Amino acid sequence: MYRILKKETLSEQVKLMVIDAPLVAKKAQPGQFIILRVSEMGERIPLTIADYDAEAGTVTIIFQEVGKTTLQLGMLNEGDYILDFVGPLGMPSHFDSSIKKAAVIGGGLGTAIAYPQAKKLHSMGVEVTSIIGFRTKDLIILEKEVGAVSNKLIVMTDDGSNGNKGFVTDALKAEIEAGEKYDLVVAIGPLVMMKYVSQLTRQYGIKTIVSMNPVMIDGTGMCGGCRITVGGKTKFACVDGPDFDGHAVDFDEAIRRQGMYKTHEAESCNLFKGGK
């Protein structure tokens, strides 16, 4: 059992929890994830590690209440317990010493995953430009935290409600055309966003890493549910990733597979809420 030490509402439907999980925190690194189960009858869901403190023995997760399990998780409070909290899983992000300047892109809830990447790069002395994007200003999360580990922070909203209208790709293109020369771009967020960021950086020959989060079940590569195509070869996001070369990922295939269970997910969520 894993105790919830802190619970915070970041924006509409988005919650942050700090979990007492010393063994996970001791080995956690940026880019890795955990798989949790709320209760004995619950399903297993993966959540990326948003932050960790090895000394305090804590792991931070951030999630959006969009399905049955995340709704159940969101109903728990400080002092309550999560049944299973397994990890760290996946390959940690690898950043070599040749990186001097990087752009970290976060789209929506992907900002929670982009934050530890920016934090790691910043700790290595890399000059970090962070670009985070949301639909509206009311959905902005972690602006202060990301800003603290960035040399430059750009916050975009689709509707311009924060005074900065546009997509993250608009901001990235403007920075590149203004003369910024990035050794690396890290893009994390919706598949469509990562696809278009990767298409943009390919034009400029900038190495790009994306974080893939397809359907996962066991986290060991045995079930095959998280398979994606990278460079024409089948990879499993849970053991080969979640980080991959954005220029090699077959995003169109990944987008099609992501939508396969939307109807079933909606039905399950509706039943949990008591609907018909």
Foldseek 3Di string as FASTA:
>chain_A
DKFWAAWDDFFVQKIKTKIQAQVQLQPDAAFFWKWFAQDPPGAIDIFGFLDGDNVSRITMTMDGPDFDRSVVVVVDGGGDDTDDIDDRFADHDDDDLVWAEEEEEAEQVQVSSSLRVLQVCLVSNHAYEYEYEEQAPRRDGCPVSSVVSHPHYHYEHCVCNVVHHDDSLVVVVVCVVVPDDGQEYEHEDDLVNLLVNLVVVVVVVHWYKYFDDFDDGPLPCPVVRQWFFFQNDIDHCSYHGSIDGSNGTPSVVRVVSRPPCPVVRVVNRCVSVVHD
